[in-house]
Amino acid sequence: SLNPGRRNILALFFLGLLSGMIVMNIGKS
């Protein structure tokens, strides 16, 4: 269950946010 609007969906979004930031920092060159 995603439990939309609750902690799980927010955690998944922030996991993606963190992943995007890591990708940019690693591959910024």
PDB file of all heavy atoms in Angstrom:
ATOM      1  N   SER A   1       0.829  -1.198   0.000  1.00  0.00           N
ATOM      2  CA  SER A   1       0.000   0.000   0.000  1.00  0.00           C
ATOM      3  C   SER A   1       0.857   1.239   0.000  1.00  0.00           C
ATOM      4  O   SER A   1       1.834   1.334   0.741  1.00  0.00           O
ATOM      5  CB  SER A   1      -0.914   0.007   1.234  1.00  0.00           C
ATOM      6  OG  SER A   1      -1.618   1.224   1.318  1.00  0.00           O
ATOM      7  N   LEU A   2       0.481   2.197  -0.832  1.00  0.00           N
ATOM      8  CA  LEU A   2       1.167   3.478  -0.847  1.00  0.00           C
ATOM      9  C   LEU A   2       0.689   4.389   0.268  1.00  0.00           C
ATOM     10  O   LEU A   2       1.368   5.319   0.655  1.00  0.00           O
ATOM     11  CB  LEU A   2       0.914   4.192  -2.186  1.00  0.00           C
ATOM     12  CG  LEU A   2       1.768   3.770  -3.371  1.00  0.00           C
ATOM     13  CD1 LEU A   2       1.246   4.442  -4.622  1.00  0.00           C
ATOM     14  CD2 LEU A   2       3.215   4.121  -3.138  1.00  0.00           C
ATOM     15  N   ASN A   3      -0.515   4.126   0.790  1.00  0.00           N
ATOM     16  CA  ASN A   3      -1.128   5.034   1.746  1.00  0.00           C
ATOM     17  C   ASN A   3      -1.053   6.471   1.254  1.00  0.00           C
ATOM     18  O   ASN A   3      -0.367   7.314   1.840  1.00  0.00           O
ATOM     19  CB  ASN A   3      -0.455   4.920   3.123  1.00  0.00           C
ATOM     20  CG  ASN A   3      -0.812   3.634   3.832  1.00  0.00           C
ATOM     21  OD1 ASN A   3      -1.903   3.115   3.659  1.00  0.00           O
ATOM     22  ND2 ASN A   3       0.110   3.121   4.621  1.00  0.00           N
ATOM     23  N   PRO A   4      -1.704   6.824   0.143  1.00  0.00           N
ATOM     24  CA  PRO A   4      -1.577   8.134  -0.462  1.00  0.00           C
ATOM     25  C   PRO A   4      -1.870   9.249   0.527  1.00  0.00           C
ATOM     26  O   PRO A   4      -2.809   9.185   1.303  1.00  0.00           O
ATOM     27  CB  PRO A   4      -2.633   8.113  -1.579  1.00  0.00           C
ATOM     28  CG  PRO A   4      -2.816   6.664  -1.877  1.00  0.00           C
ATOM     29  CD  PRO A   4      -2.641   5.958  -0.575  1.00  0.00           C
ATOM     30  N   GLY A   5      -1.069  10.315   0.490  1.00  0.00           N
ATOM     31  CA  GLY A   5      -1.248  11.456   1.356  1.00  0.00           C
ATOM     32  C   GLY A   5      -0.679  11.255   2.743  1.00  0.00           C
ATOM     33  O   GLY A   5      -0.702  12.159   3.550  1.00  0.00           O
ATOM     34  N   ARG A   6      -0.119  10.089   3.035  1.00  0.00           N
ATOM     35  CA  ARG A   6       0.428   9.810   4.350  1.00  0.00           C
ATOM     36  C   ARG A   6       1.946   9.737   4.289  1.00  0.00           C
ATOM     37  O   ARG A   6       2.575  10.199   3.342  1.00  0.00           O
ATOM     38  CB  ARG A   6      -0.160   8.515   4.903  1.00  0.00           C
ATOM     39  CG  ARG A   6      -1.687   8.593   5.046  1.00  0.00           C
ATOM     40  CD  ARG A   6      -2.255   7.293   5.577  1.00  0.00           C
ATOM     41  NE  ARG A   6      -3.707   7.343   5.669  1.00  0.00           N
ATOM     42  CZ  ARG A   6      -4.463   6.335   6.053  1.00  0.00           C
ATOM     43  NH1 ARG A   6      -3.914   5.167   6.375  1.00  0.00           N
ATOM     44  NH2 ARG A   6      -5.766   6.461   6.112  1.00  0.00           N
ATOM     45  N   ARG A   7       2.544   9.144   5.323  1.00  0.00           N
ATOM     46  CA  ARG A   7       3.995   9.162   5.441  1.00  0.00           C
ATOM     47  C   ARG A   7       4.705   8.424   4.317  1.00  0.00           C
ATOM     48  O   ARG A   7       5.768   8.840   3.861  1.00  0.00           O
ATOM     49  CB  ARG A   7       4.405   8.550   6.781  1.00  0.00           C
ATOM     50  CG  ARG A   7       3.986   9.384   7.989  1.00  0.00           C
ATOM     51  CD  ARG A   7       4.426   8.714   9.271  1.00  0.00           C
ATOM     52  NE  ARG A   7       4.007   9.489  10.425  1.00  0.00           N
ATOM     53  CZ  ARG A   7       4.222   9.117  11.685  1.00  0.00           C
ATOM     54  NH1 ARG A   7       4.842   7.965  11.921  1.00  0.00           N
ATOM     55  NH2 ARG A   7       3.820   9.882  12.678  1.00  0.00           N
ATOM     56  N   ASN A   8       4.133   7.324   3.857  1.00  0.00           N
ATOM     57  CA  ASN A   8       4.830   6.508   2.860  1.00  0.00           C
ATOM     58  C   ASN A   8       5.029   7.233   1.535  1.00  0.00           C
ATOM     59  O   ASN A   8       6.104   7.178   0.944  1.00  0.00           O
ATOM     60  CB  ASN A   8       4.079   5.197   2.624  1.00  0.00           C
ATOM     61  CG  ASN A   8       4.235   4.240   3.795  1.00  0.00           C
ATOM     62  OD1 ASN A   8       5.138   4.376   4.593  1.00  0.00           O
ATOM     63  ND2 ASN A   8       3.336   3.284   3.892  1.00  0.00           N
ATOM     64  N   ILE A   9       3.986   7.919   1.072  1.00  0.00           N
ATOM     65  CA  ILE A   9       4.109   8.630  -0.200  1.00  0.00           C
ATOM     66  C   ILE A   9       5.069   9.803  -0.065  1.00  0.00           C
ATOM     67  O   ILE A   9       5.835  10.116  -0.978  1.00  0.00           O
ATOM     68  CB  ILE A   9       2.717   9.094  -0.698  1.00  0.00           C
ATOM     69  CG1 ILE A   9       2.801   9.550  -2.148  1.00  0.00           C
ATOM     70  CG2 ILE A   9       2.143  10.189   0.166  1.00  0.00           C
ATOM     71  CD1 ILE A   9       1.437   9.816  -2.766  1.00  0.00           C
ATOM     72  N   LEU A  10       5.054  10.457   1.104  1.00  0.00           N
ATOM     73  CA  LEU A  10       5.984  11.560   1.343  1.00  0.00           C
ATOM     74  C   LEU A  10       7.412  11.047   1.421  1.00  0.00           C
ATOM     75  O   LEU A  10       8.337  11.655   0.862  1.00  0.00           O
ATOM     76  CB  LEU A  10       5.602  12.272   2.644  1.00  0.00           C
ATOM     77  CG  LEU A  10       6.336  13.578   2.950  1.00  0.00           C
ATOM     78  CD1 LEU A  10       6.046  14.615   1.867  1.00  0.00           C
ATOM     79  CD2 LEU A  10       5.921  14.118   4.322  1.00  0.00           C
ATOM     80  N   ALA A  11       7.599   9.909   2.082  1.00  0.00           N
ATOM     81  CA  ALA A  11       8.936   9.316   2.177  1.00  0.00           C
ATOM     82  C   ALA A  11       9.455   8.917   0.808  1.00  0.00           C
ATOM     83  O   ALA A  11      10.644   9.105   0.504  1.00  0.00           O
ATOM     84  CB  ALA A  11       8.892   8.093   3.101  1.00  0.00           C
ATOM     85  N   LEU A  12       8.582   8.393  -0.036  1.00  0.00           N
ATOM     86  CA  LEU A  12       8.983   7.996  -1.389  1.00  0.00           C
ATOM     87  C   LEU A  12       9.392   9.215  -2.207  1.00  0.00           C
ATOM     88  O   LEU A  12      10.386   9.179  -2.948  1.00  0.00           O
ATOM     89  CB  LEU A  12       7.831   7.260  -2.068  1.00  0.00           C
ATOM     90  CG  LEU A  12       8.096   6.703  -3.471  1.00  0.00           C
ATOM     91  CD1 LEU A  12       9.253   5.714  -3.452  1.00  0.00           C
ATOM     92  CD2 LEU A  12       6.829   6.043  -4.008  1.00  0.00           C
ATOM     93  N   PHE A  13       8.642  10.317  -2.060  1.00  0.00           N
ATOM     94  CA  PHE A  13       8.987  11.546  -2.773  1.00  0.00           C
ATOM     95  C   PHE A  13      10.354  12.057  -2.322  1.00  0.00           C
ATOM     96  O   PHE A  13      11.188  12.425  -3.148  1.00  0.00           O
ATOM     97  CB  PHE A  13       7.919  12.616  -2.525  1.00  0.00           C
ATOM     98  CG  PHE A  13       8.254  13.950  -3.147  1.00  0.00           C
ATOM     99  CD1 PHE A  13       7.969  14.196  -4.483  1.00  0.00           C
ATOM    100  CD2 PHE A  13       8.858  14.946  -2.400  1.00  0.00           C
ATOM    101  CE1 PHE A  13       8.280  15.420  -5.067  1.00  0.00           C
ATOM    102  CE2 PHE A  13       9.175  16.177  -2.970  1.00  0.00           C
ATOM    103  CZ  PHE A  13       8.883  16.410  -4.303  1.00  0.00           C
ATOM    104  N   PHE A  14      10.583  12.073  -1.023  1.00  0.00           N
ATOM    105  CA  PHE A  14      11.861  12.579  -0.519  1.00  0.00           C
ATOM    106  C   PHE A  14      13.020  11.637  -0.861  1.00  0.00           C
ATOM    107  O   PHE A  14      14.154  12.086  -1.008  1.00  0.00           O
ATOM    108  CB  PHE A  14      11.790  12.816   0.992  1.00  0.00           C
ATOM    109  CG  PHE A  14      11.151  14.125   1.345  1.00  0.00           C
ATOM    110  CD1 PHE A  14       9.895  14.168   1.928  1.00  0.00           C
ATOM    111  CD2 PHE A  14      11.780  15.329   1.063  1.00  0.00           C
ATOM    112  CE1 PHE A  14       9.290  15.379   2.237  1.00  0.00           C
ATOM    113  CE2 PHE A  14      11.188  16.542   1.368  1.00  0.00           C
ATOM    114  CZ  PHE A  14       9.940  16.567   1.961  1.00  0.00           C
ATOM    115  N   LEU A  15      12.727  10.349  -1.010  1.00  0.00           N
ATOM    116  CA  LEU A  15      13.747   9.423  -1.481  1.00  0.00           C
ATOM    117  C   LEU A  15      14.156   9.784  -2.910  1.00  0.00           C
ATOM    118  O   LEU A  15      15.340   9.792  -3.254  1.00  0.00           O
ATOM    119  CB  LEU A  15      13.222   7.989  -1.421  1.00  0.00           C
ATOM    120  CG  LEU A  15      14.174   6.896  -1.929  1.00  0.00           C
ATOM    121  CD1 LEU A  15      15.446   6.868  -1.091  1.00  0.00           C
ATOM    122  CD2 LEU A  15      13.488   5.535  -1.900  1.00  0.00           C
ATOM    123  N   GLY A  16      13.161  10.097  -3.743  1.00  0.00           N
ATOM    124  CA  GLY A  16      13.447  10.541  -5.097  1.00  0.00           C
ATOM    125  C   GLY A  16      14.187  11.867  -5.106  1.00  0.00           C
ATOM    126  O   GLY A  16      15.121  12.068  -5.889  1.00  0.00           O
ATOM    127  N   LEU A  17      13.777  12.786  -4.228  1.00  0.00           N
ATOM    128  CA  LEU A  17      14.441  14.086  -4.116  1.00  0.00           C
ATOM    129  C   LEU A  17      15.910  13.916  -3.764  1.00  0.00           C
ATOM    130  O   LEU A  17      16.795  14.522  -4.388  1.00  0.00           O
ATOM    131  CB  LEU A  17      13.732  14.917  -3.047  1.00  0.00           C
ATOM    132  CG  LEU A  17      14.191  16.367  -2.869  1.00  0.00           C
ATOM    133  CD1 LEU A  17      13.722  17.223  -4.029  1.00  0.00           C
ATOM    134  CD2 LEU A  17      13.660  16.931  -1.552  1.00  0.00           C
ATOM    135  N   LEU A  18      16.173  13.074  -2.772  1.00  0.00           N
ATOM    136  CA  LEU A  18      17.552  12.812  -2.359  1.00  0.00           C
ATOM    137  C   LEU A  18      18.336  12.143  -3.477  1.00  0.00           C
ATOM    138  O   LEU A  18      19.505  12.484  -3.715  1.00  0.00           O
ATOM    139  CB  LEU A  18      17.546  11.927  -1.105  1.00  0.00           C
ATOM    140  CG  LEU A  18      18.915  11.564  -0.521  1.00  0.00           C
ATOM    141  CD1 LEU A  18      19.678  12.816  -0.095  1.00  0.00           C
ATOM    142  CD2 LEU A  18      18.752  10.613   0.666  1.00  0.00           C
ATOM    143  N   SER A  19      17.713  11.216  -4.179  1.00  0.00           N
ATOM    144  CA  SER A  19      18.387  10.531  -5.289  1.00  0.00           C
ATOM    145  C   SER A  19      18.772  11.515  -6.382  1.00  0.00           C
ATOM    146  O   SER A  19      19.869  11.451  -6.945  1.00  0.00           O
ATOM    147  CB  SER A  19      17.481   9.442  -5.861  1.00  0.00           C
ATOM    148  OG  SER A  19      17.178   8.464  -4.891  1.00  0.00           O
ATOM    149  N   GLY A  20      17.857  12.444  -6.708  1.00  0.00           N
ATOM    150  CA  GLY A  20      18.145  13.449  -7.714  1.00  0.00           C
ATOM    151  C   GLY A  20      19.311  14.337  -7.321  1.00  0.00           C
ATOM    152  O   GLY A  20      20.175  14.664  -8.151  1.00  0.00           O
ATOM    153  N   MET A  21      19.363  14.709  -6.051  1.00  0.00           N
ATOM    154  CA  MET A  21      20.463  15.538  -5.565  1.00  0.00           C
ATOM    155  C   MET A  21      21.790  14.793  -5.608  1.00  0.00           C
ATOM    156  O   MET A  21      22.827  15.352  -5.984  1.00  0.00           O
ATOM    157  CB  MET A  21      20.171  15.996  -4.128  1.00  0.00           C
ATOM    158  CG  MET A  21      19.019  16.977  -4.027  1.00  0.00           C
ATOM    159  SD  MET A  21      18.710  17.469  -2.305  1.00  0.00           S
ATOM    160  CE  MET A  21      17.461  18.730  -2.543  1.00  0.00           C
ATOM    161  N   ILE A  22      21.750  13.511  -5.240  1.00  0.00           N
ATOM    162  CA  ILE A  22      22.973  12.704  -5.272  1.00  0.00           C
ATOM    163  C   ILE A  22      23.475  12.545  -6.701  1.00  0.00           C
ATOM    164  O   ILE A  22      24.672  12.670  -6.970  1.00  0.00           O
ATOM    165  CB  ILE A  22      22.717  11.324  -4.621  1.00  0.00           C
ATOM    166  CG1 ILE A  22      22.484  11.481  -3.119  1.00  0.00           C
ATOM    167  CG2 ILE A  22      23.893  10.386  -4.879  1.00  0.00           C
ATOM    168  CD1 ILE A  22      22.064  10.201  -2.429  1.00  0.00           C
ATOM    169  N   VAL A  23      22.556  12.277  -7.624  1.00  0.00           N
ATOM    170  CA  VAL A  23      22.932  12.128  -9.033  1.00  0.00           C
ATOM    171  C   VAL A  23      23.598  13.389  -9.548  1.00  0.00           C
ATOM    172  O   VAL A  23      24.629  13.345 -10.236  1.00  0.00           O
ATOM    173  CB  VAL A  23      21.694  11.774  -9.889  1.00  0.00           C
ATOM    174  CG1 VAL A  23      22.002  11.925 -11.374  1.00  0.00           C
ATOM    175  CG2 VAL A  23      21.228  10.355  -9.598  1.00  0.00           C
ATOM    176  N   MET A  24      23.024  14.554  -9.222  1.00  0.00           N
ATOM    177  CA  MET A  24      23.594  15.816  -9.687  1.00  0.00           C
ATOM    178  C   MET A  24      24.964  16.071  -9.070  1.00  0.00           C
ATOM    179  O   MET A  24      25.876  16.568  -9.743  1.00  0.00           O
ATOM    180  CB  MET A  24      22.658  16.975  -9.352  1.00  0.00           C
ATOM    181  CG  MET A  24      21.495  17.122 -10.299  1.00  0.00           C
ATOM    182  SD  MET A  24      21.965  17.294 -12.045  1.00  0.00           S
ATOM    183  CE  MET A  24      23.017  18.737 -11.984  1.00  0.00           C
ATOM    184  N   ASN A  25      25.138  15.744  -7.801  1.00  0.00           N
ATOM    185  CA  ASN A  25      26.424  15.970  -7.147  1.00  0.00           C
ATOM    186  C   ASN A  25      27.503  15.034  -7.673  1.00  0.00           C
ATOM    187  O   ASN A  25      28.654  15.443  -7.838  1.00  0.00           O
ATOM    188  CB  ASN A  25      26.275  15.806  -5.629  1.00  0.00           C
ATOM    189  CG  ASN A  25      25.746  17.054  -4.957  1.00  0.00           C
ATOM    190  OD1 ASN A  25      26.494  17.972  -4.639  1.00  0.00           O
ATOM    191  ND2 ASN A  25      24.444  17.106  -4.755  1.00  0.00           N
ATOM    192  N   ILE A  26      27.135  13.787  -7.936  1.00  0.00           N
ATOM    193  CA  ILE A  26      28.113  12.824  -8.443  1.00  0.00           C
ATOM    194  C   ILE A  26      28.475  13.116  -9.896  1.00  0.00           C
ATOM    195  O   ILE A  26      29.644  13.065 -10.280  1.00  0.00           O
ATOM    196  CB  ILE A  26      27.570  11.382  -8.313  1.00  0.00           C
ATOM    197  CG1 ILE A  26      27.451  10.999  -6.832  1.00  0.00           C
ATOM    198  CG2 ILE A  26      28.481  10.397  -9.039  1.00  0.00           C
ATOM    199  CD1 ILE A  26      26.828   9.636  -6.600  1.00  0.00           C
ATOM    200  N   GLY A  27      27.463  13.431 -10.702  1.00  0.00           N
ATOM    201  CA  GLY A  27      27.712  13.610 -12.131  1.00  0.00           C
ATOM    202  C   GLY A  27      27.678  15.047 -12.600  1.00  0.00           C
ATOM    203  O   GLY A  27      27.372  15.311 -13.759  1.00  0.00           O
ATOM    204  N   LYS A  28      27.979  16.006 -11.700  1.00  0.00           N
ATOM    205  CA  LYS A  28      27.841  17.410 -12.074  1.00  0.00           C
ATOM    206  C   LYS A  28      28.785  17.824 -13.199  1.00  0.00           C
ATOM    207  O   LYS A  28      28.463  18.705 -14.000  1.00  0.00           O
ATOM    208  CB  LYS A  28      28.054  18.313 -10.864  1.00  0.00           C
ATOM    209  CG  LYS A  28      29.422  18.227 -10.210  1.00  0.00           C
ATOM    210  CD  LYS A  28      29.482  19.133  -8.996  1.00  0.00           C
ATOM    211  CE  LYS A  28      30.825  19.030  -8.287  1.00  0.00           C
ATOM    212  NZ  LYS A  28      30.879  19.904  -7.090  1.00  0.00           N
ATOM    213  N   SER A  29      29.941  17.184 -13.295  1.00  0.00           N
ATOM    214  CA  SER A  29      30.876  17.544 -14.362  1.00  0.00           C
ATOM    215  C   SER A  29      30.310  17.194 -15.737  1.00  0.00           C
ATOM    216  O   SER A  29      30.600  17.849 -16.725  1.00  0.00           O
ATOM    217  CB  SER A  29      32.215  16.827 -14.158  1.00  0.00           C
ATOM    218  OG  SER A  29      32.044  15.428 -14.183  1.00  0.00           O
TER     219      SER A  29
END
